[in-house]
Amino acid sequence: MKAFAVLSDYTNEGSIVFAKTGIEARKWGANELNDGELRGISCRRAPWADDLDGQVPARLMIAHGWHFECCGCGETIDEDWLYDNDLPIEGVLGTQHSRIYCSDICQARDNLDRAIKRDHERRAIEMLQAYVLKRFPSVSFAQKDNWKPHAYAVQRGGTWQVEQVAVSFEFPGMKIGPATCRLDRGGENARLIGPVKPYFMCCGGDREAFEAWASSPESRRPAP
């Protein structure tokens, strides 16, 4: 397998591709970058990557003229930027198909932010599940496919906030899918008046069954 630098002439996006021939690498580029069209795809040999078995370090690609966006600070990493910021090219972390960082400090900061984000999302899910169980003590929360608990936390102006959280649960009489309890705080520019409250929703075909069960004394009985 030989290494080829494959690029879109329109977007300048591309990758180091490993293939037996140039036309094979170019076809990959057409399918991935250009809706299957060969026109507009450039392909040239990259012998400096031949022995890397598909795992091409970002720092090596930068040394050969490529650039990447740092997953930590968001800066565009190329040789000139590294030089201007007194950062060694050897300190660039990641491969072309992984998260890439300009330095280990940037990676550590991003890892911390991601851990904080996950913790906010986990706690938001637990709080909403507790809210549901207070209303419907016997339900079981769905964990499969599109019904898994979901939360989205984001940092705005130095403060973390959970913008969306949803948990789904099964209920007696359900035929199509679980009911869901959601809380939506809106996006960055949302103007909200008053407290944001969770709300319940279900599939249209299950609405009558859910409303009948939710209004019955059975829904308030604790699990045996």
C-alpha atoms as a PDB file:
ATOM      1  CA  MET A   1       0.000   0.000   0.000  1.00  0.00           C
ATOM      2  CA  LYS A   2       1.241   3.459  -0.909  1.00  0.00           C
ATOM      3  CA  ALA A   3       0.424   6.793   0.677  1.00  0.00           C
ATOM      4  CA  PHE A   4      -1.296   9.491  -1.370  1.00  0.00           C
ATOM      5  CA  ALA A   5      -2.225  13.072  -0.493  1.00  0.00           C
ATOM      6  CA  VAL A   6      -5.824  13.464  -1.677  1.00  0.00           C
ATOM      7  CA  LEU A   7      -7.429  16.924  -1.726  1.00  0.00           C
ATOM      8  CA  SER A   8     -10.599  18.603  -2.914  1.00  0.00           C
ATOM      9  CA  ASP A   9      -9.761  21.475  -5.257  1.00  0.00           C
ATOM     10  CA  TYR A  10     -12.902  23.288  -4.102  1.00  0.00           C
ATOM     11  CA  THR A  11     -12.653  23.090  -0.308  1.00  0.00           C
ATOM     12  CA  ASN A  12      -8.948  22.243   0.176  1.00  0.00           C
ATOM     13  CA  GLU A  13     -10.039  19.444   2.516  1.00  0.00           C
ATOM     14  CA  GLY A  14      -8.393  16.074   2.264  1.00  0.00           C
ATOM     15  CA  SER A  15      -6.498  13.226   3.819  1.00  0.00           C
ATOM     16  CA  ILE A  16      -3.520  10.927   3.464  1.00  0.00           C
ATOM     17  CA  VAL A  17      -4.992   7.838   1.821  1.00  0.00           C
ATOM     18  CA  PHE A  18      -3.367   4.411   1.612  1.00  0.00           C
ATOM     19  CA  ALA A  19      -4.057   2.552  -1.634  1.00  0.00           C
ATOM     20  CA  LYS A  20      -2.421   0.359  -4.258  1.00  0.00           C
ATOM     21  CA  THR A  21      -2.747   2.936  -7.020  1.00  0.00           C
ATOM     22  CA  GLY A  22      -3.324   6.629  -7.450  1.00  0.00           C
ATOM     23  CA  ILE A  23      -6.669   6.143  -9.190  1.00  0.00           C
ATOM     24  CA  GLU A  24      -7.889   4.031  -6.272  1.00  0.00           C
ATOM     25  CA  ALA A  25      -6.942   6.818  -3.843  1.00  0.00           C
ATOM     26  CA  ARG A  26      -8.531   9.424  -6.105  1.00  0.00           C
ATOM     27  CA  LYS A  27     -11.792   7.462  -6.235  1.00  0.00           C
ATOM     28  CA  TRP A  28     -11.803   7.405  -2.443  1.00  0.00           C
ATOM     29  CA  GLY A  29     -11.425  11.173  -2.474  1.00  0.00           C
ATOM     30  CA  ALA A  30     -14.234  11.567  -4.993  1.00  0.00           C
ATOM     31  CA  ASN A  31     -16.608   9.494  -2.852  1.00  0.00           C
ATOM     32  CA  GLU A  32     -15.659  11.144   0.426  1.00  0.00           C
ATOM     33  CA  LEU A  33     -15.102  14.729  -0.654  1.00  0.00           C
ATOM     34  CA  ASN A  34     -16.885  15.382  -3.940  1.00  0.00           C
ATOM     35  CA  ASP A  35     -20.158  13.419  -4.258  1.00  0.00           C
ATOM     36  CA  GLY A  36     -18.446  10.735  -6.345  1.00  0.00           C
ATOM     37  CA  GLU A  37     -17.047  13.135  -8.978  1.00  0.00           C
ATOM     38  CA  LEU A  38     -13.403  12.635  -9.912  1.00  0.00           C
ATOM     39  CA  ARG A  39     -13.189  16.114 -11.406  1.00  0.00           C
ATOM     40  CA  GLY A  40     -12.020  18.504  -8.707  1.00  0.00           C
ATOM     41  CA  ILE A  41     -10.015  15.881  -6.811  1.00  0.00           C
ATOM     42  CA  SER A  42      -6.221  16.075  -6.802  1.00  0.00           C
ATOM     43  CA  CYS A  43      -4.026  13.143  -5.832  1.00  0.00           C
ATOM     44  CA  ARG A  44      -0.273  12.980  -5.458  1.00  0.00           C
ATOM     45  CA  ARG A  45       2.162  10.563  -3.894  1.00  0.00           C
ATOM     46  CA  ALA A  46       3.212  11.074  -0.273  1.00  0.00           C
ATOM     47  CA  PRO A  47       6.119   8.630   0.111  1.00  0.00           C
ATOM     48  CA  TRP A  48       7.043  10.116   3.498  1.00  0.00           C
ATOM     49  CA  ALA A  49       3.932   8.374   4.910  1.00  0.00           C
ATOM     50  CA  ASP A  50       4.328   4.978   3.215  1.00  0.00           C
ATOM     51  CA  ASP A  51       5.420   3.076   6.309  1.00  0.00           C
ATOM     52  CA  LEU A  52       2.922   4.525   8.788  1.00  0.00           C
ATOM     53  CA  ASP A  53       0.228   1.858   8.401  1.00  0.00           C
ATOM     54  CA  GLY A  54      -2.612   4.371   8.200  1.00  0.00           C
ATOM     55  CA  GLN A  55      -1.839   6.153  11.489  1.00  0.00           C
ATOM     56  CA  VAL A  56      -0.335   9.410  10.248  1.00  0.00           C
ATOM     57  CA  PRO A  57       0.761  11.779  13.043  1.00  0.00           C
ATOM     58  CA  ALA A  58      -0.601  15.279  12.640  1.00  0.00           C
ATOM     59  CA  ARG A  59       2.822  16.756  13.388  1.00  0.00           C
ATOM     60  CA  LEU A  60       4.308  14.902  10.415  1.00  0.00           C
ATOM     61  CA  MET A  61       1.545  16.115   8.116  1.00  0.00           C
ATOM     62  CA  ILE A  62       2.063  19.699   9.352  1.00  0.00           C
ATOM     63  CA  ALA A  63       5.766  19.361   8.532  1.00  0.00           C
ATOM     64  CA  HIS A  64       4.679  18.548   4.951  1.00  0.00           C
ATOM     65  CA  GLY A  65       2.387  21.532   4.542  1.00  0.00           C
ATOM     66  CA  TRP A  66      -0.903  20.413   6.084  1.00  0.00           C
ATOM     67  CA  HIS A  67      -2.834  22.299   8.755  1.00  0.00           C
ATOM     68  CA  PHE A  68      -5.382  21.334  11.418  1.00  0.00           C
ATOM     69  CA  GLU A  69      -7.713  22.985  13.892  1.00  0.00           C
ATOM     70  CA  CYS A  70      -6.740  22.423  17.515  1.00  0.00           C
ATOM     71  CA  CYS A  71      -9.544  20.666  19.406  1.00  0.00           C
ATOM     72  CA  GLY A  72      -8.608  22.610  22.509  1.00  0.00           C
ATOM     73  CA  CYS A  73      -8.061  26.273  21.635  1.00  0.00           C
ATOM     74  CA  GLY A  74      -9.545  26.195  18.134  1.00  0.00           C
ATOM     75  CA  GLU A  75      -6.482  27.763  16.496  1.00  0.00           C
ATOM     76  CA  THR A  76      -5.358  26.652  13.041  1.00  0.00           C
ATOM     77  CA  ILE A  77      -2.121  24.743  13.534  1.00  0.00           C
ATOM     78  CA  ASP A  78       0.513  25.026  10.835  1.00  0.00           C
ATOM     79  CA  GLU A  79       4.277  25.553  10.894  1.00  0.00           C
ATOM     80  CA  ASP A  80       4.006  29.345  10.835  1.00  0.00           C
ATOM     81  CA  TRP A  81       1.502  29.456  13.703  1.00  0.00           C
ATOM     82  CA  LEU A  82       3.641  27.103  15.804  1.00  0.00           C
ATOM     83  CA  TYR A  83       6.702  29.246  15.149  1.00  0.00           C
ATOM     84  CA  ASP A  84       4.882  32.493  15.997  1.00  0.00           C
ATOM     85  CA  ASN A  85       3.658  30.980  19.282  1.00  0.00           C
ATOM     86  CA  ASP A  86       6.999  29.398  20.181  1.00  0.00           C
ATOM     87  CA  LEU A  87       5.536  25.872  20.154  1.00  0.00           C
ATOM     88  CA  PRO A  88       7.546  22.870  18.906  1.00  0.00           C
ATOM     89  CA  ILE A  89       6.066  20.834  16.092  1.00  0.00           C
ATOM     90  CA  GLU A  90       7.016  17.717  18.084  1.00  0.00           C
ATOM     91  CA  GLY A  91       4.492  18.793  20.733  1.00  0.00           C
ATOM     92  CA  VAL A  92       1.494  18.508  18.395  1.00  0.00           C
ATOM     93  CA  LEU A  93      -0.647  15.562  19.531  1.00  0.00           C
ATOM     94  CA  GLY A  94      -2.950  13.295  17.549  1.00  0.00           C
ATOM     95  CA  THR A  95      -3.281  11.695  14.132  1.00  0.00           C
ATOM     96  CA  GLN A  96      -5.226  12.781  11.076  1.00  0.00           C
ATOM     97  CA  HIS A  97      -8.252  10.719  12.201  1.00  0.00           C
ATOM     98  CA  SER A  98      -8.190  11.607  15.910  1.00  0.00           C
ATOM     99  CA  ARG A  99      -8.564  14.702  18.079  1.00  0.00           C
ATOM    100  CA  ILE A 100      -5.593  16.981  17.477  1.00  0.00           C
ATOM    101  CA  TYR A 101      -4.016  19.411  19.933  1.00  0.00           C
ATOM    102  CA  CYS A 102      -1.317  22.029  19.558  1.00  0.00           C
ATOM    103  CA  SER A 103       0.248  21.024  22.899  1.00  0.00           C
ATOM    104  CA  ASP A 104      -0.183  18.754  25.897  1.00  0.00           C
ATOM    105  CA  ILE A 105      -1.408  21.760  27.925  1.00  0.00           C
ATOM    106  CA  CYS A 106      -4.216  22.345  25.440  1.00  0.00           C
ATOM    107  CA  GLN A 107      -5.111  18.650  25.536  1.00  0.00           C
ATOM    108  CA  ALA A 108      -5.213  18.630  29.355  1.00  0.00           C
ATOM    109  CA  ARG A 109      -7.435  21.732  29.426  1.00  0.00           C
ATOM    110  CA  ASP A 110      -9.818  20.213  26.877  1.00  0.00           C
ATOM    111  CA  ASN A 111      -9.936  16.891  28.728  1.00  0.00           C
ATOM    112  CA  LEU A 112     -10.883  18.759  31.916  1.00  0.00           C
ATOM    113  CA  ASP A 113     -13.636  20.694  30.121  1.00  0.00           C
ATOM    114  CA  ARG A 114     -15.000  17.504  28.601  1.00  0.00           C
ATOM    115  CA  ALA A 115     -15.034  15.808  32.020  1.00  0.00           C
ATOM    116  CA  ILE A 116     -16.880  18.777  33.562  1.00  0.00           C
ATOM    117  CA  LYS A 117     -19.359  18.725  30.677  1.00  0.00           C
ATOM    118  CA  ARG A 118     -20.040  14.998  31.169  1.00  0.00           C
ATOM    119  CA  ASP A 119     -20.542  15.533  34.907  1.00  0.00           C
ATOM    120  CA  HIS A 120     -23.081  18.322  34.345  1.00  0.00           C
ATOM    121  CA  GLU A 121     -24.944  16.156  31.846  1.00  0.00           C
ATOM    122  CA  ARG A 122     -24.933  13.118  34.147  1.00  0.00           C
ATOM    123  CA  ARG A 123     -26.292  15.117  37.078  1.00  0.00           C
ATOM    124  CA  ALA A 124     -28.968  16.722  34.888  1.00  0.00           C
ATOM    125  CA  ILE A 125     -30.165  13.284  33.795  1.00  0.00           C
ATOM    126  CA  GLU A 126     -30.257  12.049  37.395  1.00  0.00           C
ATOM    127  CA  MET A 127     -32.242  15.104  38.511  1.00  0.00           C
ATOM    128  CA  LEU A 128     -34.791  14.726  35.716  1.00  0.00           C
ATOM    129  CA  GLN A 129     -35.166  11.013  36.440  1.00  0.00           C
ATOM    130  CA  ALA A 130     -35.825  11.890  40.094  1.00  0.00           C
ATOM    131  CA  TYR A 131     -38.458  14.380  38.934  1.00  0.00           C
ATOM    132  CA  VAL A 132     -40.174  11.685  36.858  1.00  0.00           C
ATOM    133  CA  LEU A 133     -40.068   9.140  39.688  1.00  0.00           C
ATOM    134  CA  LYS A 134     -41.659  11.634  42.053  1.00  0.00           C
ATOM    135  CA  ARG A 135     -44.576  11.892  39.620  1.00  0.00           C
ATOM    136  CA  PHE A 136     -44.617   8.263  38.425  1.00  0.00           C
ATOM    137  CA  PRO A 137     -42.856   6.148  41.100  1.00  0.00           C
ATOM    138  CA  SER A 138     -43.034   2.766  39.340  1.00  0.00           C
ATOM    139  CA  VAL A 139     -41.732   3.526  35.836  1.00  0.00           C
ATOM    140  CA  SER A 140     -38.638   1.969  34.269  1.00  0.00           C
ATOM    141  CA  PHE A 141     -36.350   4.207  32.239  1.00  0.00           C
ATOM    142  CA  ALA A 142     -35.573   3.206  28.652  1.00  0.00           C
ATOM    143  CA  GLN A 143     -31.914   2.553  27.814  1.00  0.00           C
ATOM    144  CA  LYS A 144     -31.963   1.344  24.209  1.00  0.00           C
ATOM    145  CA  ASP A 145     -31.619   2.924  20.782  1.00  0.00           C
ATOM    146  CA  ASN A 146     -33.154   6.399  20.467  1.00  0.00           C
ATOM    147  CA  TRP A 147     -34.653   6.289  23.957  1.00  0.00           C
ATOM    148  CA  LYS A 148     -31.437   6.522  25.964  1.00  0.00           C
ATOM    149  CA  PRO A 149     -31.187   9.398  28.472  1.00  0.00           C
ATOM    150  CA  HIS A 150     -29.778  12.490  26.820  1.00  0.00           C
ATOM    151  CA  ALA A 151     -28.389  15.800  28.037  1.00  0.00           C
ATOM    152  CA  TYR A 152     -26.456  18.650  26.454  1.00  0.00           C
ATOM    153  CA  ALA A 153     -24.355  21.019  28.553  1.00  0.00           C
ATOM    154  CA  VAL A 154     -22.449  23.988  27.185  1.00  0.00           C
ATOM    155  CA  GLN A 155     -20.175  26.661  28.615  1.00  0.00           C
ATOM    156  CA  ARG A 156     -21.248  30.221  27.884  1.00  0.00           C
ATOM    157  CA  GLY A 157     -19.461  33.242  29.282  1.00  0.00           C
ATOM    158  CA  GLY A 158     -17.470  31.057  31.650  1.00  0.00           C
ATOM    159  CA  THR A 159     -20.575  29.441  33.127  1.00  0.00           C
ATOM    160  CA  TRP A 160     -21.813  25.915  32.457  1.00  0.00           C
ATOM    161  CA  GLN A 161     -25.488  25.400  31.751  1.00  0.00           C
ATOM    162  CA  VAL A 162     -27.546  22.414  30.665  1.00  0.00           C
ATOM    163  CA  GLU A 163     -29.571  23.475  27.643  1.00  0.00           C
ATOM    164  CA  GLN A 164     -31.405  20.223  27.071  1.00  0.00           C
ATOM    165  CA  VAL A 165     -32.116  17.031  28.986  1.00  0.00           C
ATOM    166  CA  ALA A 166     -34.511  14.197  28.200  1.00  0.00           C
ATOM    167  CA  VAL A 167     -35.332  10.842  29.789  1.00  0.00           C
ATOM    168  CA  SER A 168     -37.755   8.245  28.428  1.00  0.00           C
ATOM    169  CA  PHE A 169     -39.768   5.643  30.314  1.00  0.00           C
ATOM    170  CA  GLU A 170     -42.175   2.813  29.608  1.00  0.00           C
ATOM    171  CA  PHE A 171     -45.774   2.920  30.808  1.00  0.00           C
ATOM    172  CA  PRO A 172     -48.763   0.516  30.846  1.00  0.00           C
ATOM    173  CA  GLY A 173     -50.667   0.480  27.565  1.00  0.00           C
ATOM    174  CA  MET A 174     -47.669   1.642  25.526  1.00  0.00           C
ATOM    175  CA  LYS A 175     -47.746   0.291  21.959  1.00  0.00           C
ATOM    176  CA  ILE A 176     -45.444   2.475  19.860  1.00  0.00           C
ATOM    177  CA  GLY A 177     -42.730   3.795  22.149  1.00  0.00           C
ATOM    178  CA  PRO A 178     -41.847   5.171  25.590  1.00  0.00           C
ATOM    179  CA  ALA A 179     -43.013   8.524  26.884  1.00  0.00           C
ATOM    180  CA  THR A 180     -40.390  11.234  27.384  1.00  0.00           C
ATOM    181  CA  CYS A 181     -39.843  13.934  29.952  1.00  0.00           C
ATOM    182  CA  ARG A 182     -37.842  16.870  28.591  1.00  0.00           C
ATOM    183  CA  LEU A 183     -36.437  20.147  29.763  1.00  0.00           C
ATOM    184  CA  ASP A 184     -35.275  22.709  27.178  1.00  0.00           C
ATOM    185  CA  ARG A 185     -33.604  25.948  28.170  1.00  0.00           C
ATOM    186  CA  GLY A 186     -33.091  27.235  24.616  1.00  0.00           C
ATOM    187  CA  GLY A 187     -29.962  28.295  22.775  1.00  0.00           C
ATOM    188  CA  GLU A 188     -27.471  31.086  23.281  1.00  0.00           C
ATOM    189  CA  ASN A 189     -29.887  33.809  22.157  1.00  0.00           C
ATOM    190  CA  ALA A 190     -33.047  32.422  23.789  1.00  0.00           C
ATOM    191  CA  ARG A 191     -35.072  34.871  25.836  1.00  0.00           C
ATOM    192  CA  LEU A 192     -36.798  33.027  28.625  1.00  0.00           C
ATOM    193  CA  ILE A 193     -39.314  34.558  31.016  1.00  0.00           C
ATOM    194  CA  GLY A 194     -39.954  32.747  34.277  1.00  0.00           C
ATOM    195  CA  PRO A 195     -38.756  29.305  35.335  1.00  0.00           C
ATOM    196  CA  VAL A 196     -38.183  26.562  32.794  1.00  0.00           C
ATOM    197  CA  LYS A 197     -40.294  23.521  33.606  1.00  0.00           C
ATOM    198  CA  PRO A 198     -40.020  19.898  32.457  1.00  0.00           C
ATOM    199  CA  TYR A 199     -42.783  18.621  30.223  1.00  0.00           C
ATOM    200  CA  PHE A 200     -44.019  15.200  29.121  1.00  0.00           C
ATOM    201  CA  MET A 201     -44.580  13.953  25.584  1.00  0.00           C
ATOM    202  CA  CYS A 202     -45.289  10.634  23.841  1.00  0.00           C
ATOM    203  CA  CYS A 203     -45.943   9.155  20.402  1.00  0.00           C
ATOM    204  CA  GLY A 204     -49.219  10.296  18.878  1.00  0.00           C
ATOM    205  CA  GLY A 205     -50.640   6.800  18.730  1.00  0.00           C
ATOM    206  CA  ASP A 206     -49.990   6.318  22.463  1.00  0.00           C
ATOM    207  CA  ARG A 207     -51.418   9.645  23.598  1.00  0.00           C
ATOM    208  CA  GLU A 208     -54.770   8.383  24.836  1.00  0.00           C
ATOM    209  CA  ALA A 209     -53.187   5.461  26.674  1.00  0.00           C
ATOM    210  CA  PHE A 210     -50.570   7.702  28.291  1.00  0.00           C
ATOM    211  CA  GLU A 211     -53.055  10.381  29.360  1.00  0.00           C
ATOM    212  CA  ALA A 212     -55.422   7.760  30.781  1.00  0.00           C
ATOM    213  CA  TRP A 213     -52.625   6.090  32.744  1.00  0.00           C
ATOM    214  CA  ALA A 214     -51.051   9.395  33.881  1.00  0.00           C
ATOM    215  CA  SER A 215     -54.353  10.588  35.322  1.00  0.00           C
ATOM    216  CA  SER A 216     -55.125   7.321  37.099  1.00  0.00           C
ATOM    217  CA  PRO A 217     -54.219   6.425  40.728  1.00  0.00           C
ATOM    218  CA  GLU A 218     -52.150   3.510  39.340  1.00  0.00           C
ATOM    219  CA  SER A 219     -49.521   5.906  37.955  1.00  0.00           C
ATOM    220  CA  ARG A 220     -48.789   7.198  41.469  1.00  0.00           C
ATOM    221  CA  ARG A 221     -48.286   3.821  43.098  1.00  0.00           C
ATOM    222  CA  PRO A 222     -44.702   2.927  43.966  1.00  0.00           C
ATOM    223  CA  ALA A 223     -43.036  -0.070  42.426  1.00  0.00           C
ATOM    224  CA  PRO A 224     -43.687  -3.322  44.333  1.00  0.00           C
END
